[in-house]
Amino acid sequence: LIVSPINMVGVGLTESTMAAFAFLITRSNFLVGLSSTVSGLALLLVAPCAGCLADRVGRQAVLRLASALAVLSAAWVFVWLLYFQPHTSDRTCYALLLGSQFLGGLRRGIQQPAFDAIFGDSVASGRRSQIYSWLSSLRKLGLACGPATAAAIFFARGDSWTEPV
């Protein structure tokens, strides 16, 4: 009940930050929406397969795969922002942003079924609906806190929608 909402704060913060960056480099609402769609589609396509894989090879193995993908995704963003972004065109930056959104969606799609299965196995049958209601509410709260945190950072640092030269 603690880990999932914290994870959702990170997801909400990352999604809102990536959307802001996508707008900065494209100035297109459509392309901002497309970048979010890529993440959601990756999650949608991989989650059913990851659930079957978790049942077949074990939940821990699937969570390890998701963790490795999280490290790869973080490295991708780190290299992209620190190395490529200052030296490439906005079009290339947007393509790299789409790649990071895709990796993030894959990670969440692989992680969530195994995590939910482990969570369900650790809760007594009679209490599952109550616990899952709490978990759902806490996830929503985490998702709301992410953009709220991003908004607070923008407010504190200045709401300037220009890229430093």
Protein backbone atom coordinates (compact mmCIF):
# COMPACT_ATOMS: atom_id res chain seq x y z
CA LEU A 1 0.00 0.00 0.00
CA ILE A 2 2.98 2.33 0.40
CA VAL A 3 5.14 1.51 -2.63
CA SER A 4 2.48 1.81 -5.31
CA PRO A 5 1.35 5.38 -4.47
CA ILE A 6 4.99 6.51 -4.27
CA ASN A 7 5.57 4.94 -7.69
CA MET A 8 2.51 6.77 -9.02
CA VAL A 9 3.89 10.12 -7.76
CA GLY A 10 6.96 9.43 -9.88
CA VAL A 11 4.83 8.44 -12.87
CA GLY A 12 2.68 11.56 -12.54
CA LEU A 13 5.72 13.80 -12.15
CA THR A 14 7.50 12.21 -15.10
CA GLU A 15 4.45 12.30 -17.37
CA SER A 16 3.74 15.96 -16.70
CA THR A 17 7.40 16.90 -17.11
CA MET A 18 7.72 14.95 -20.37
CA ALA A 19 4.54 16.59 -21.65
CA ALA A 20 5.95 20.03 -20.85
CA PHE A 21 9.23 19.17 -22.57
CA ALA A 22 7.38 17.77 -25.60
CA PHE A 23 5.51 21.05 -25.87
CA LEU A 24 8.73 23.05 -25.59
CA ILE A 25 10.39 21.23 -28.47
CA THR A 26 7.35 20.79 -30.74
CA ARG A 27 4.90 23.60 -29.86
CA SER A 28 2.20 21.12 -30.86
CA ASN A 29 -0.61 19.91 -28.62
CA PHE A 30 -1.14 16.97 -30.97
CA LEU A 31 2.48 15.80 -30.57
CA VAL A 32 2.24 16.20 -26.78
CA GLY A 33 -0.80 13.92 -26.85
CA LEU A 34 0.98 11.49 -29.13
CA SER A 35 3.90 11.21 -26.71
CA SER A 36 1.51 10.25 -23.88
CA THR A 37 -0.33 7.85 -26.18
CA VAL A 38 2.90 5.99 -26.99
CA SER A 39 3.41 5.23 -23.30
CA GLY A 40 -0.18 4.07 -22.84
CA LEU A 41 -0.14 1.89 -25.95
CA ALA A 42 3.09 0.19 -24.89
CA LEU A 43 1.52 -0.56 -21.50
CA LEU A 44 -1.68 -1.83 -23.10
CA LEU A 45 0.11 -4.14 -25.52
CA VAL A 46 2.54 -5.70 -23.06
CA ALA A 47 0.47 -6.02 -19.85
CA PRO A 48 -1.59 -9.11 -20.86
CA CYS A 49 1.56 -10.92 -22.02
CA ALA A 50 3.39 -9.92 -18.84
CA GLY A 51 0.54 -11.31 -16.74
CA CYS A 52 0.76 -14.65 -18.55
CA LEU A 53 4.54 -14.60 -18.23
CA ALA A 54 4.27 -13.93 -14.49
CA ASP A 55 2.05 -16.99 -14.13
CA ARG A 56 4.36 -19.13 -16.24
CA VAL A 57 7.89 -18.18 -15.12
CA GLY A 58 7.17 -16.52 -11.79
CA ARG A 59 6.39 -13.06 -10.55
CA GLN A 60 9.86 -12.35 -9.24
CA ALA A 61 11.44 -13.00 -12.63
CA VAL A 62 8.97 -10.61 -14.28
CA LEU A 63 9.63 -7.95 -11.64
CA ARG A 64 13.37 -8.34 -12.22
CA LEU A 65 12.77 -7.81 -15.93
CA ALA A 66 10.73 -4.69 -15.15
CA SER A 67 13.52 -3.44 -12.87
CA ALA A 68 16.12 -3.96 -15.59
CA LEU A 69 13.86 -2.09 -18.00
CA ALA A 70 13.51 0.74 -15.46
CA VAL A 71 17.31 1.06 -15.28
CA LEU A 72 17.53 1.02 -19.09
CA SER A 73 14.80 3.63 -19.32
CA ALA A 74 16.48 5.88 -16.75
CA ALA A 75 19.80 5.55 -18.57
CA TRP A 76 18.07 6.37 -21.87
CA VAL A 77 16.58 9.57 -20.44
CA PHE A 78 19.85 10.52 -18.73
CA VAL A 79 21.93 10.14 -21.91
CA TRP A 80 19.20 11.69 -24.05
CA LEU A 81 18.80 14.81 -21.92
CA LEU A 82 22.45 15.37 -21.04
CA TYR A 83 24.12 14.41 -24.28
CA PHE A 84 21.77 14.34 -27.24
CA GLN A 85 19.33 17.12 -26.38
CA PRO A 86 21.86 19.98 -26.49
CA HIS A 87 23.45 18.68 -29.71
CA THR A 88 20.54 17.55 -31.87
CA SER A 89 17.51 18.97 -33.60
CA ASP A 90 14.12 19.27 -31.94
CA ARG A 91 12.84 16.54 -34.25
CA THR A 92 15.51 14.11 -33.04
CA CYS A 93 14.82 15.10 -29.43
CA TYR A 94 11.15 14.39 -29.93
CA ALA A 95 11.95 10.95 -31.39
CA LEU A 96 14.15 10.22 -28.36
CA LEU A 97 11.35 11.42 -26.07
CA LEU A 98 8.97 8.99 -27.79
CA GLY A 99 11.51 6.23 -27.15
CA SER A 100 11.65 7.07 -23.46
CA GLN A 101 7.87 7.19 -23.24
CA PHE A 102 7.70 3.79 -24.94
CA LEU A 103 10.23 2.28 -22.52
CA GLY A 104 8.34 3.75 -19.55
CA GLY A 105 5.08 2.26 -20.79
CA LEU A 106 6.73 -1.12 -21.32
CA ARG A 107 8.14 -1.04 -17.80
CA ARG A 108 4.80 -0.23 -16.23
CA GLY A 109 3.03 -2.82 -18.38
CA ILE A 110 5.49 -5.53 -17.33
CA GLN A 111 5.62 -4.52 -13.67
CA GLN A 112 1.96 -3.99 -12.85
CA PRO A 113 0.50 -7.49 -13.45
CA ALA A 114 3.23 -9.19 -11.39
CA PHE A 115 2.99 -6.58 -8.65
CA ASP A 116 -0.80 -6.89 -8.48
CA ALA A 117 -0.57 -10.70 -8.40
CA ILE A 118 1.89 -10.64 -5.49
CA PHE A 119 -0.26 -8.07 -3.73
CA GLY A 120 -3.39 -10.18 -4.22
CA ASP A 121 -1.65 -13.31 -2.96
CA SER A 122 -0.62 -11.55 0.25
CA VAL A 123 -4.11 -10.40 1.21
CA ALA A 124 -6.66 -12.70 2.83
CA SER A 125 -9.63 -13.54 0.59
CA GLY A 126 -12.24 -11.75 2.71
CA ARG A 127 -10.30 -8.48 2.77
CA ARG A 128 -9.23 -8.18 -0.87
CA SER A 129 -12.00 -5.84 -2.03
CA GLN A 130 -11.35 -3.40 0.81
CA ILE A 131 -7.57 -3.48 0.33
CA TYR A 132 -7.87 -3.12 -3.45
CA SER A 133 -10.17 -0.12 -2.96
CA TRP A 134 -7.55 1.47 -0.72
CA LEU A 135 -4.81 0.65 -3.22
CA SER A 136 -6.78 2.15 -6.08
CA SER A 137 -7.48 5.32 -4.11
CA LEU A 138 -3.83 5.65 -3.06
CA ARG A 139 -2.68 5.16 -6.66
CA LYS A 140 -5.02 7.95 -7.80
CA LEU A 141 -3.72 10.16 -5.02
CA GLY A 142 -0.15 9.42 -6.12
CA LEU A 143 -0.98 10.22 -9.74
CA ALA A 144 -2.50 13.53 -8.63
CA CYS A 145 0.49 14.41 -6.45
CA GLY A 146 2.94 13.99 -9.34
CA PRO A 147 1.54 16.82 -11.50
CA ALA A 148 0.91 18.89 -8.36
CA THR A 149 4.61 18.52 -7.50
CA ALA A 150 5.57 19.51 -11.04
CA ALA A 151 3.28 22.56 -10.80
CA ALA A 152 4.89 23.55 -7.49
CA ILE A 153 8.36 23.24 -9.04
CA PHE A 154 7.31 25.36 -12.04
CA PHE A 155 5.82 27.92 -9.68
CA ALA A 156 8.91 28.04 -7.48
CA ARG A 157 11.39 28.17 -10.37
CA GLY A 158 9.33 30.44 -12.60
CA ASP A 159 6.71 29.53 -15.15
CA SER A 160 8.81 30.31 -18.20
CA TRP A 161 8.08 28.21 -21.28
CA THR A 162 11.32 28.88 -23.05
CA GLU A 163 14.39 26.76 -23.32
CA PRO A 164 17.64 28.30 -22.04
CA VAL A 165 20.13 28.97 -24.81
